[in-house]
Amino acid sequence: IRYASENALERHLDHGAMWRRMLRPRTLIYTGLLAVVIVAMGVSLALRNPLKVDVIRDRGALAREAAPGVIENVYRIQIMNTDEAARSFTIAAEGIPGLQVEGVEQPLAVAAAGSRLVPVRVQAPADAGKPGSNAIEFVVRSSDEPALVRREKSTFLLPR
């Protein structure tokens, strides 16, 4: 009694011949490719970023004067928490002196494996940058884990 395939029984292959047939170049190459794919999937899973951020400018209002000498731009920020634990995040903006994020209660709670779309108003002094489009960066930072930070670039419009 032995473990063998029907092919091995038909051809009267012994134990050594079955191993030689199984370890031929084609099967070794397929095994190697499968191992590479498994390792790549494991590495990508281990190195994935548990925070994703999308910044979308509001098309309705490009820039408006919120108060005398203060210009306001409106954005929608989507925060996606791909981690298995709920997290809290803070949103900041930098790139122009005096830039402030308004209209959102911080810290912002996002459920485990969930996302949240948040309307955000960003205000800056009218004389803070050059007239026209100015480069800014949104910084979304986890309140629970300080090393978890995501930066997304956008533009801030200052009227002429």
Protein backbone atom coordinates (compact mmCIF):
# COMPACT_ATOMS: atom_id res chain seq x y z
CA ILE A 1 0.00 0.00 0.00
CA ARG A 2 1.39 3.39 -0.95
CA TYR A 3 0.27 6.90 -1.81
CA ALA A 4 0.60 7.35 -5.55
CA SER A 5 -1.29 8.82 -8.46
CA GLU A 6 -2.97 6.69 -11.09
CA ASN A 7 -0.33 7.89 -13.55
CA ALA A 8 2.49 6.61 -11.27
CA LEU A 9 0.77 3.24 -10.90
CA GLU A 10 0.29 2.93 -14.67
CA ARG A 11 3.91 3.76 -15.43
CA HIS A 12 5.26 1.64 -12.52
CA LEU A 13 7.16 4.60 -11.06
CA ASP A 14 8.99 4.04 -7.79
CA HIS A 15 9.19 6.57 -4.95
CA GLY A 16 12.34 8.31 -6.29
CA ALA A 17 10.96 8.59 -9.83
CA MET A 18 7.76 10.21 -8.51
CA TRP A 19 9.81 12.85 -6.67
CA ARG A 20 11.97 13.51 -9.75
CA ARG A 21 8.81 13.95 -11.84
CA MET A 22 7.30 16.29 -9.26
CA LEU A 23 10.47 18.42 -8.95
CA ARG A 24 10.92 19.18 -12.63
CA PRO A 25 11.74 22.79 -13.71
CA ARG A 26 8.17 23.79 -14.61
CA THR A 27 6.76 22.89 -11.19
CA LEU A 28 9.69 24.57 -9.43
CA ILE A 29 9.14 27.78 -11.44
CA TYR A 30 5.40 27.79 -10.63
CA THR A 31 6.16 27.17 -6.96
CA GLY A 32 8.67 30.04 -6.96
CA LEU A 33 6.22 32.42 -8.64
CA LEU A 34 3.50 31.51 -6.15
CA ALA A 35 5.92 32.12 -3.26
CA VAL A 36 6.86 35.55 -4.67
CA VAL A 37 3.18 36.51 -5.00
CA ILE A 38 2.43 35.39 -1.43
CA VAL A 39 5.41 37.32 -0.03
CA ALA A 40 4.46 40.45 -2.03
CA MET A 41 0.89 40.30 -0.71
CA GLY A 42 2.16 39.89 2.86
CA VAL A 43 4.56 42.82 2.53
CA SER A 44 1.91 45.08 1.00
CA LEU A 45 -0.50 44.18 3.79
CA ALA A 46 2.10 44.86 6.47
CA LEU A 47 3.16 48.21 4.94
CA ARG A 48 -0.28 49.58 4.05
CA ASN A 49 -1.17 53.00 5.32
CA PRO A 50 -4.26 52.84 7.57
CA LEU A 51 -5.20 56.44 6.68
CA LYS A 52 -6.32 57.74 3.29
CA VAL A 53 -7.31 61.35 2.61
CA ASP A 54 -8.94 63.01 -0.41
CA VAL A 55 -9.30 66.80 -0.71
CA ILE A 56 -11.98 68.11 -3.05
CA ARG A 57 -12.44 71.83 -3.71
CA ASP A 58 -16.03 73.03 -3.53
CA ARG A 59 -17.05 73.98 -7.07
CA GLY A 60 -19.82 76.30 -5.96
CA ALA A 61 -17.71 78.99 -4.28
CA LEU A 62 -14.10 79.50 -5.26
CA ALA A 63 -13.19 82.21 -2.76
CA ARG A 64 -15.25 84.63 -0.73
CA GLU A 65 -14.71 87.32 1.84
CA ALA A 66 -15.81 85.89 5.20
CA ALA A 67 -15.07 89.07 7.16
CA PRO A 68 -13.28 92.31 6.35
CA GLY A 69 -9.73 91.31 5.38
CA VAL A 70 -10.38 87.53 5.66
CA ILE A 71 -10.70 85.29 2.59
CA GLU A 72 -12.38 81.90 2.84
CA ASN A 73 -12.20 78.83 0.56
CA VAL A 74 -14.42 75.78 0.99
CA TYR A 75 -13.25 72.17 0.63
CA ARG A 76 -14.65 68.70 1.23
CA ILE A 77 -12.22 66.33 2.90
CA GLN A 78 -12.83 62.60 2.87
CA ILE A 79 -10.99 60.74 5.63
CA MET A 80 -10.84 56.96 5.24
CA ASN A 81 -9.77 54.87 8.22
CA THR A 82 -8.73 51.44 6.91
CA ASP A 83 -7.63 50.24 10.35
CA GLU A 84 -9.62 47.83 12.49
CA ALA A 85 -9.95 50.35 15.32
CA ALA A 86 -11.89 53.61 15.49
CA ARG A 87 -9.65 56.68 15.45
CA SER A 88 -9.85 60.43 16.00
CA PHE A 89 -8.22 62.87 13.59
CA THR A 90 -7.34 66.56 13.55
CA ILE A 91 -7.25 68.62 10.35
CA ALA A 92 -4.84 71.51 9.84
CA ALA A 93 -3.76 73.55 6.82
CA GLU A 94 -0.39 75.14 6.14
CA GLY A 95 1.37 76.96 3.35
CA ILE A 96 0.11 80.53 3.84
CA PRO A 97 0.73 82.61 6.98
CA GLY A 98 -2.38 82.83 9.18
CA LEU A 99 -4.18 79.90 7.54
CA GLN A 100 -6.92 78.46 9.78
CA VAL A 101 -9.34 75.54 9.44
CA GLU A 102 -12.89 76.47 10.46
CA GLY A 103 -16.29 74.81 10.43
CA VAL A 104 -15.28 71.39 11.74
CA GLU A 105 -15.36 70.16 15.31
CA GLN A 106 -12.00 68.65 16.18
CA PRO A 107 -10.92 65.95 16.89
CA LEU A 108 -12.99 64.18 14.27
CA ALA A 109 -14.05 60.58 15.05
CA VAL A 110 -13.96 58.01 12.23
CA ALA A 111 -15.27 54.48 12.77
CA ALA A 112 -13.17 51.38 12.22
CA ALA A 113 -12.86 50.57 8.51
CA GLY A 114 -15.04 53.59 7.77
CA SER A 115 -14.86 56.94 6.09
CA ARG A 116 -16.19 60.40 6.70
CA LEU A 117 -16.80 63.28 4.30
CA VAL A 118 -16.35 66.62 6.05
CA PRO A 119 -17.02 70.12 4.67
CA VAL A 120 -14.20 72.44 5.77
CA ARG A 121 -13.78 76.19 5.53
CA VAL A 122 -10.21 77.47 5.35
CA GLN A 123 -9.60 81.13 6.15
CA ALA A 124 -6.56 83.34 5.59
CA PRO A 125 -5.84 87.07 5.75
CA ALA A 126 -6.41 88.75 2.37
CA ASP A 127 -2.79 89.95 2.28
CA ALA A 128 -1.29 86.58 3.35
CA GLY A 129 -0.18 85.41 -0.10
CA LYS A 130 0.03 86.44 -3.71
CA PRO A 131 -3.24 87.11 -5.55
CA GLY A 132 -4.46 84.06 -7.46
CA SER A 133 -3.73 80.44 -6.70
CA ASN A 134 -1.52 79.60 -3.70
CA ALA A 135 -0.23 76.12 -2.84
CA ILE A 136 -1.38 74.82 0.53
CA GLU A 137 -1.22 71.47 2.27
CA PHE A 138 -3.81 69.79 4.45
CA VAL A 139 -2.35 67.83 7.36
CA VAL A 140 -4.58 65.10 8.81
CA ARG A 141 -3.10 63.70 12.00
CA SER A 142 -4.34 60.90 14.22
CA SER A 143 -5.03 62.00 17.79
CA ASP A 144 -4.55 58.40 18.95
CA GLU A 145 -1.26 57.65 17.16
CA PRO A 146 0.94 60.74 16.56
CA ALA A 147 3.06 59.00 13.91
CA LEU A 148 -0.01 58.49 11.70
CA VAL A 149 -0.03 61.61 9.50
CA ARG A 150 -1.26 62.17 5.95
CA ARG A 151 -0.53 65.30 3.86
CA GLU A 152 -2.57 66.29 0.81
CA LYS A 153 -1.80 69.24 -1.46
CA SER A 154 -4.39 71.68 -2.75
CA THR A 155 -4.68 75.33 -3.74
CA PHE A 156 -6.05 78.39 -1.96
CA LEU A 157 -7.45 81.20 -4.09
CA LEU A 158 -6.89 84.80 -3.08
CA PRO A 159 -8.83 87.36 -5.13
CA ARG A 160 -6.96 90.15 -6.88
